[in-house]
Every structure is written in C-alpha cells, then in structure tokens.
Amino acid sequence: MRNDDFKEFNYYPDLDELHGWISSIWELAEETAYTAEIIENNGFSFSLGVNHVGNEFSYVKFTPEGMDPFYAYWQPVLSGSAPLLVHLPGYGAEMSTHPELVARGFNVLHVSPLGYATPDGPDEGKKRNQAWPVLPDTVLSGARGGYRIWLANCLMAVAWAMQQAEVIGNRVSFFGTSQGGGAALLLGSLFKDKGVRCVAADVPFLTHYPLAAGRGAYAHATEGLDAMDDKHAGWKALGFVDTITHAARLTCPVLLTAGGKDEICPPETIRALYDNLPGTKSLSNFEALSHRYTREFIPLAAAWFRIYA
C-alpha cells in the first residue's frame, strides 16, 4: 500500500469517502443536462500548415446546464467501428490531435474541460494569478469544485462519444501527459467496472502531493493550501485528486513514464505510484528527460493500446 511515512496522509479521505466522492461526480455528470454541438470548422488553416487533415475531425461544443461551456476535439476512425481513446490536456490546457492513433484504428477524443481552451484559443479571462485555477479551486472548495467539475465534464464528453456510431460501446482507455497523465489515471479509477480497458500516463502530475512537497507543478496545490486556515481540510481535498489514493482502484493495465531530470513532476512521485499499483503495469524511466511531452510516449502508448484497448 501507500507509504504512510507522510503525516499528510492522516488527513486524506478514507476509502468510503473516496467512493462517495467518485459517486458524486457520476451523479453530477448524469444529472446535468447538456447539449453537444459539432463545429464543422476543424480549427486548422493554411497558416498552420496542417490543413491536409480535412473535415473528418471536428470540435464539439458542450454546454452543460449551470456550468461553463467546454470543448472537445473528435477524431473518429475512417471506417468501421473501434475502441475509444480519450486524451486529456496538460495544465496549460492545450488542445491536442492524434491522427497517428486514428490511423492505427482508434477513435480519439481530446477533452478540454472547464472551457479553458476554445477553438479560438485559450480563454485567458478564466486564469487567476496568470494560471488556470483548477487545482487551487479543488483545495479551497474541499474538492466540491475544481477537479470534481473538471472530471464531470470529461464524463459528459465520454458519454457523448459512446453514442457515436464509430465507437464500440463500453470500451474506453485514457491517456495524457503531465496533468493529462494524472487525469487519465483518475478517470481510469472513475471508470473501474465501467468499461475501462487501460491507461497510459506520461510523466503524470497529481501524484503523491506529500512527496512532491510543493515542487514544480505542485506549487499550484500550495497556492490553495496557503489561502486556507484549516490546512487539514486542504490536504483532505488534495487526497481526493491524488492518484496514490486511487491506486487500489486502478486494476486495469497502466503504463507510466518518468523523466530522471523532471523538476515539474518529480520521478520519485511516479515510482511511488507504480509501486502501489495492483495490476499489470509498466514504468519507463528516461534518465536524461526533463518535463515535456516525451517523443517516446506515443509509440509506447500505441503499443499498449494495441495490446489492451
């Protein structure tokens, strides 16, 4: 199990509280009415040099009742039906396309929750202190906001994708880099016994906050904690979105990467998660790698998906 040498784990949610939080996300997603509108303009242009993609791929605008609109990017297989791969963004909220995975026979849905990224670029008005506030908002709300809404947006987008003719139902895998890797792991936990096939997480963020100790990207957590009088409540909120807390639920095959020179998502946090995973797992440590989208990740993930997705 997790390393309990860290006093902060004393404030983390227990298993019943974690299950209750997960159920609340599913209830929020399933009880929130939303519309989904396909936007035919795929966002590419001659100025970007990638207009050859054509019109097969499309933005999808989701408008949930009582929440901000958010966008996804839908990349379906060209023929037949296939499993669904869901890509999540890094903390920079960038939009990503994966035609190489579509060419390998997968549907790919990139989800950008909370409306941070749009077809016209990032919505800078949603930033606070020049950064997206999803992690500090999670801390300050006691995990009732922030990533709870972020993940509910993902569930809505996956539900929409599952209704598309190209998608084999009840067969979904998750992947991403940095925050996207951490979120892929959280969604792997949320979809336990709900069709998840595997997860591929590249240098994942949201992993072992106590061990990270406010370094690199984990300063976003410190921002929330510093604003709270009750630090114990803040640590409990972080526990809900710590992949270590979800490790026992990640029984599907999990692929991880780490960078030996990564000062944003320290490699020892990823190793700690790996050591706690109960099922089929792989960890590739690239000793010379600092924090970035690793060029090695997509071939590794593609092979992982070919085996397990």
Protein backbone atom coordinates (compact mmCIF):
# COMPACT_ATOMS: atom_id res chain seq x y z
CA MET A 1 0.00 0.00 0.00
CA ARG A 2 0.99 3.68 0.02
CA ASN A 3 3.95 4.88 2.08
CA ASP A 4 2.48 6.21 5.34
CA ASP A 5 5.67 7.98 6.42
CA PHE A 6 3.98 11.24 5.44
CA LYS A 7 1.82 12.85 8.13
CA GLU A 8 -0.37 14.44 5.43
CA PHE A 9 -1.84 11.01 4.68
CA ASN A 10 -3.55 11.23 8.08
CA TYR A 11 -5.86 13.85 6.57
CA TYR A 12 -6.54 12.06 3.28
CA PRO A 13 -10.03 10.61 2.67
CA ASP A 14 -10.66 7.01 3.61
CA LEU A 15 -11.94 4.50 1.06
CA ASP A 16 -15.63 5.12 1.83
CA GLU A 17 -15.15 8.88 1.43
CA LEU A 18 -13.31 8.34 -1.85
CA HIS A 19 -16.10 6.12 -3.18
CA GLY A 20 -18.65 8.75 -2.14
CA TRP A 21 -16.72 11.46 -3.97
CA ILE A 22 -16.49 9.32 -7.11
CA SER A 23 -20.24 8.63 -6.94
CA SER A 24 -20.90 12.36 -6.61
CA ILE A 25 -19.00 13.02 -9.86
CA TRP A 26 -21.02 10.39 -11.71
CA GLU A 27 -24.26 11.80 -10.29
CA LEU A 28 -23.28 15.33 -11.28
CA ALA A 29 -22.45 14.24 -14.84
CA GLU A 30 -25.55 12.10 -15.27
CA GLU A 31 -27.98 14.59 -13.74
CA THR A 32 -26.69 17.65 -15.60
CA ALA A 33 -28.47 18.26 -18.88
CA TYR A 34 -26.20 19.40 -21.70
CA THR A 35 -26.17 19.99 -25.42
CA ALA A 36 -23.38 18.87 -27.75
CA GLU A 37 -22.85 20.78 -30.99
CA ILE A 38 -20.39 19.65 -33.66
CA ILE A 39 -18.50 22.60 -35.10
CA GLU A 40 -17.61 21.81 -38.69
CA ASN A 41 -14.58 24.12 -38.78
CA ASN A 42 -11.82 21.83 -37.51
CA GLY A 43 -9.60 24.74 -36.48
CA PHE A 44 -6.78 24.04 -38.94
CA SER A 45 -5.75 26.53 -41.60
CA PHE A 46 -3.15 27.11 -44.31
CA SER A 47 -1.28 29.38 -41.89
CA LEU A 48 -0.82 26.42 -39.56
CA GLY A 49 0.38 24.19 -42.35
CA VAL A 50 -1.82 21.26 -41.38
CA ASN A 51 -4.94 21.90 -43.41
CA HIS A 52 -4.49 18.47 -45.05
CA VAL A 53 -6.40 16.91 -42.15
CA GLY A 54 -9.64 17.74 -43.93
CA ASN A 55 -13.09 17.70 -42.39
CA GLU A 56 -13.13 14.28 -40.74
CA PHE A 57 -12.14 15.80 -37.38
CA SER A 58 -14.32 18.34 -35.59
CA TYR A 59 -14.59 20.43 -32.46
CA VAL A 60 -17.55 19.61 -30.25
CA LYS A 61 -19.01 22.32 -28.03
CA PHE A 62 -20.62 21.05 -24.84
CA THR A 63 -22.98 23.36 -22.98
CA PRO A 64 -23.93 21.87 -19.58
CA GLU A 65 -26.77 23.43 -17.62
CA GLY A 66 -25.39 25.65 -14.86
CA MET A 67 -21.75 25.22 -15.97
CA ASP A 68 -19.43 26.96 -18.39
CA PRO A 69 -19.35 25.56 -21.93
CA PHE A 70 -16.32 23.44 -22.77
CA TYR A 71 -14.85 21.88 -25.90
CA ALA A 72 -13.60 18.55 -27.13
CA TYR A 73 -11.90 17.55 -30.35
CA TRP A 74 -13.40 14.48 -32.04
CA GLN A 75 -11.18 12.30 -34.23
CA PRO A 76 -13.14 9.24 -35.42
CA VAL A 77 -11.85 6.23 -37.33
CA LEU A 78 -12.34 6.50 -41.07
CA SER A 79 -14.36 3.28 -41.40
CA GLY A 80 -15.99 0.61 -39.30
CA SER A 81 -16.16 0.76 -35.52
CA ALA A 82 -13.34 0.87 -32.99
CA PRO A 83 -12.48 1.40 -29.30
CA LEU A 84 -12.37 4.89 -27.82
CA LEU A 85 -9.19 6.58 -26.60
CA VAL A 86 -9.66 9.73 -24.50
CA HIS A 87 -6.82 12.25 -24.32
CA LEU A 88 -6.65 14.81 -21.51
CA PRO A 89 -4.73 18.12 -21.58
CA GLY A 90 -1.74 19.23 -19.56
CA TYR A 91 -2.09 22.05 -17.04
CA GLY A 92 -1.54 24.51 -19.89
CA ALA A 93 -4.98 23.45 -21.23
CA GLU A 94 -3.63 22.91 -24.74
CA MET A 95 -5.70 21.17 -27.40
CA SER A 96 -4.11 18.09 -28.99
CA THR A 97 -4.75 15.96 -32.06
CA HIS A 98 -3.66 12.37 -32.60
CA PRO A 99 -4.11 11.37 -36.26
CA GLU A 100 -1.40 8.71 -35.82
CA LEU A 101 -3.64 6.85 -33.34
CA VAL A 102 -6.66 7.23 -35.62
CA ALA A 103 -4.56 5.71 -38.41
CA ARG A 104 -3.90 2.74 -36.12
CA GLY A 105 -7.64 2.11 -35.84
CA PHE A 106 -8.81 4.03 -32.76
CA ASN A 107 -11.35 6.75 -32.17
CA VAL A 108 -9.69 9.60 -30.26
CA LEU A 109 -11.49 12.24 -28.20
CA HIS A 110 -9.47 15.10 -26.74
CA VAL A 111 -11.39 16.77 -23.90
CA SER A 112 -10.59 20.26 -22.61
CA PRO A 113 -12.76 20.77 -19.51
CA LEU A 114 -14.00 23.96 -17.84
CA GLY A 115 -13.82 25.99 -21.05
CA TYR A 116 -10.15 26.87 -20.56
CA ALA A 117 -9.34 26.15 -24.23
CA THR A 118 -11.59 27.03 -27.17
CA PRO A 119 -11.32 26.76 -30.97
CA ASP A 120 -10.27 30.43 -30.91
CA GLY A 121 -7.51 29.89 -28.35
CA PRO A 122 -7.29 29.92 -24.55
CA ASP A 123 -9.89 31.87 -22.57
CA GLU A 124 -7.40 33.99 -20.64
CA GLY A 125 -10.23 35.51 -18.58
CA LYS A 126 -10.53 32.24 -16.69
CA LYS A 127 -6.97 32.44 -15.37
CA ARG A 128 -6.09 33.55 -11.85
CA ASN A 129 -2.59 34.68 -10.90
CA GLN A 130 -1.68 34.03 -14.56
CA ALA A 131 -2.51 30.31 -14.25
CA TRP A 132 -5.55 28.08 -14.56
CA PRO A 133 -7.11 27.76 -11.09
CA VAL A 134 -8.45 24.18 -11.19
CA LEU A 135 -6.10 22.77 -8.54
CA PRO A 136 -6.28 25.62 -6.00
CA ASP A 137 -10.06 25.70 -6.57
CA THR A 138 -10.15 21.99 -5.67
CA VAL A 139 -8.35 22.70 -2.40
CA LEU A 140 -10.39 25.79 -1.48
CA SER A 141 -13.74 24.08 -2.24
CA GLY A 142 -12.98 20.92 -0.28
CA ALA A 143 -12.96 19.02 -3.61
CA ARG A 144 -16.56 20.04 -4.35
CA GLY A 145 -15.34 22.29 -7.19
CA GLY A 146 -12.21 22.34 -9.29
CA TYR A 147 -11.35 18.84 -10.45
CA ARG A 148 -14.76 17.48 -9.45
CA ILE A 149 -16.35 19.67 -12.15
CA TRP A 150 -13.38 19.05 -14.49
CA LEU A 151 -13.87 15.29 -14.27
CA ALA A 152 -17.66 15.58 -14.60
CA ASN A 153 -17.09 17.45 -17.88
CA CYS A 154 -14.97 14.50 -19.02
CA LEU A 155 -17.73 12.03 -18.16
CA MET A 156 -20.21 14.04 -20.22
CA ALA A 157 -17.88 14.09 -23.22
CA VAL A 158 -17.19 10.34 -22.97
CA ALA A 159 -20.93 9.64 -22.73
CA TRP A 160 -21.43 11.62 -25.95
CA ALA A 161 -18.61 9.78 -27.71
CA MET A 162 -20.03 6.42 -26.65
CA GLN A 163 -23.20 7.28 -28.57
CA GLN A 164 -21.33 7.78 -31.87
CA ALA A 165 -21.70 5.07 -34.49
CA GLU A 166 -17.93 4.62 -34.85
CA VAL A 167 -17.42 3.68 -31.18
CA ILE A 168 -17.55 0.19 -29.69
CA GLY A 169 -19.56 0.64 -26.51
CA ASN A 170 -18.18 0.01 -23.03
CA ARG A 171 -14.58 0.02 -24.26
CA VAL A 172 -12.60 3.14 -23.32
CA SER A 173 -8.97 3.94 -22.46
CA PHE A 174 -7.39 7.15 -21.20
CA PHE A 175 -4.05 8.86 -21.86
CA GLY A 176 -2.22 12.13 -21.45
CA THR A 177 0.92 13.94 -20.34
CA SER A 178 1.56 15.76 -17.05
CA GLN A 179 -1.89 16.86 -15.78
CA GLY A 180 -3.30 14.81 -18.65
CA GLY A 181 -1.49 11.75 -17.33
CA GLY A 182 -2.74 12.30 -13.80
CA ALA A 183 -6.28 12.91 -15.05
CA ALA A 184 -6.09 9.76 -17.20
CA LEU A 185 -5.31 7.81 -14.02
CA LEU A 186 -8.19 9.45 -12.13
CA LEU A 187 -10.56 8.61 -14.97
CA GLY A 188 -9.24 5.05 -15.01
CA SER A 189 -10.34 4.90 -11.39
CA LEU A 190 -13.73 6.50 -12.10
CA PHE A 191 -14.37 4.01 -14.91
CA LYS A 192 -13.41 0.96 -12.86
CA ASP A 193 -16.05 -1.69 -13.70
CA LYS A 194 -17.48 0.76 -16.26
CA GLY A 195 -15.60 -0.30 -19.38
CA VAL A 196 -12.06 1.00 -18.84
CA ARG A 197 -9.53 -1.09 -20.76
CA CYS A 198 -6.22 0.58 -19.92
CA VAL A 199 -4.45 3.84 -19.06
CA ALA A 200 -1.25 5.40 -20.41
CA ALA A 201 0.12 8.26 -18.29
CA ASP A 202 3.15 10.24 -19.44
CA VAL A 203 5.12 11.96 -16.61
CA PRO A 204 1.85 12.24 -14.61
CA PHE A 205 1.03 15.20 -12.39
CA LEU A 206 -1.50 14.87 -9.50
CA THR A 207 0.63 12.13 -7.96
CA HIS A 208 1.78 11.94 -4.31
CA TYR A 209 1.44 15.57 -3.18
CA PRO A 210 3.27 15.00 0.14
CA LEU A 211 6.32 13.54 -1.60
CA ALA A 212 6.28 16.31 -4.23
CA ALA A 213 6.43 18.83 -1.33
CA GLY A 214 5.33 21.84 -3.37
CA ARG A 215 7.99 21.43 -6.06
CA GLY A 216 7.36 22.23 -9.72
CA ALA A 217 3.73 21.97 -10.77
CA TYR A 218 2.78 21.14 -7.19
CA ALA A 219 3.15 24.82 -6.30
CA HIS A 220 -0.43 25.12 -7.63
CA ALA A 221 -1.53 22.99 -4.66
CA THR A 222 0.49 25.14 -2.28
CA GLU A 223 -1.35 28.21 -3.57
CA GLY A 224 -4.62 26.73 -2.35
CA LEU A 225 -3.22 25.49 0.96
CA ASP A 226 -1.62 28.86 1.76
CA ALA A 227 -5.02 30.55 1.42
CA MET A 228 -6.66 28.22 3.98
CA ASP A 229 -6.78 28.46 7.76
CA ASP A 230 -7.64 24.77 8.03
CA LYS A 231 -4.71 23.08 6.31
CA HIS A 232 -6.01 19.64 7.30
CA ALA A 233 -9.15 20.23 5.20
CA GLY A 234 -6.94 21.35 2.33
CA TRP A 235 -4.91 18.16 2.47
CA LYS A 236 -8.10 16.11 2.55
CA ALA A 237 -9.27 17.86 -0.63
CA LEU A 238 -5.93 17.09 -2.28
CA GLY A 239 -6.30 13.46 -1.25
CA PHE A 240 -9.37 13.10 -3.45
CA VAL A 241 -7.30 14.05 -6.53
CA ASP A 242 -4.09 12.26 -5.62
CA THR A 243 -3.54 9.26 -7.89
CA ILE A 244 -1.97 7.46 -4.90
CA THR A 245 -5.41 7.45 -3.24
CA HIS A 246 -6.89 5.86 -6.36
CA ALA A 247 -4.14 3.27 -6.85
CA ALA A 248 -6.11 0.32 -5.47
CA ARG A 249 -8.91 1.06 -7.96
CA LEU A 250 -6.51 1.09 -10.92
CA THR A 251 -6.78 -2.60 -11.65
CA CYS A 252 -6.63 -2.11 -15.44
CA PRO A 253 -3.24 -2.22 -17.21
CA VAL A 254 -1.36 1.04 -16.51
CA LEU A 255 1.60 2.41 -18.49
CA LEU A 256 3.70 5.14 -16.82
CA THR A 257 6.71 7.19 -17.92
CA ALA A 258 9.03 9.33 -15.80
CA GLY A 259 11.90 11.71 -16.52
CA GLY A 260 15.07 11.49 -14.47
CA LYS A 261 15.60 15.27 -14.75
CA ASP A 262 11.93 16.23 -14.39
CA GLU A 263 11.64 19.03 -11.81
CA ILE A 264 7.96 19.68 -12.59
CA CYS A 265 6.58 16.20 -11.86
CA PRO A 266 9.39 14.55 -9.85
CA PRO A 267 10.15 10.96 -10.92
CA GLU A 268 10.06 9.62 -7.36
CA THR A 269 6.34 10.50 -7.14
CA ILE A 270 5.67 8.38 -10.24
CA ARG A 271 7.76 5.50 -8.89
CA ALA A 272 5.73 5.63 -5.65
CA LEU A 273 2.52 5.31 -7.65
CA TYR A 274 3.95 2.44 -9.70
CA ASP A 275 4.87 0.58 -6.51
CA ASN A 276 1.25 0.88 -5.30
CA LEU A 277 -0.49 -0.29 -8.48
CA PRO A 278 -2.04 -3.74 -8.04
CA GLY A 279 -2.32 -5.00 -11.61
CA THR A 280 -0.49 -5.18 -14.94
CA LYS A 281 1.84 -2.19 -15.11
CA SER A 282 4.86 -0.74 -16.86
CA LEU A 283 7.19 2.13 -15.92
CA SER A 284 9.65 3.57 -18.43
CA ASN A 285 12.19 5.89 -16.81
CA PHE A 286 14.04 8.18 -19.21
CA GLU A 287 17.00 9.28 -17.15
CA ALA A 288 18.00 12.29 -19.29
CA LEU A 289 14.45 13.59 -19.74
CA SER A 290 13.18 16.86 -18.28
CA HIS A 291 9.47 17.71 -18.21
CA ARG A 292 7.89 17.70 -21.66
CA TYR A 293 5.71 15.69 -23.99
CA THR A 294 8.02 12.74 -24.46
CA ARG A 295 8.52 11.70 -28.07
CA GLU A 296 8.81 8.10 -26.85
CA PHE A 297 5.39 8.15 -25.22
CA ILE A 298 3.09 7.88 -28.24
CA PRO A 299 4.81 4.75 -29.70
CA LEU A 300 4.77 3.18 -26.21
CA ALA A 301 1.13 4.14 -25.68
CA ALA A 302 0.15 2.95 -29.17
CA ALA A 303 1.63 -0.48 -28.43
CA TRP A 304 -0.10 -0.51 -25.02
CA PHE A 305 -3.43 0.30 -26.68
CA ARG A 306 -2.88 -2.34 -29.34
CA ILE A 307 -2.44 -4.96 -26.62
CA TYR A 308 -5.06 -3.84 -24.10
CA ALA A 309 -7.51 -1.28 -25.55
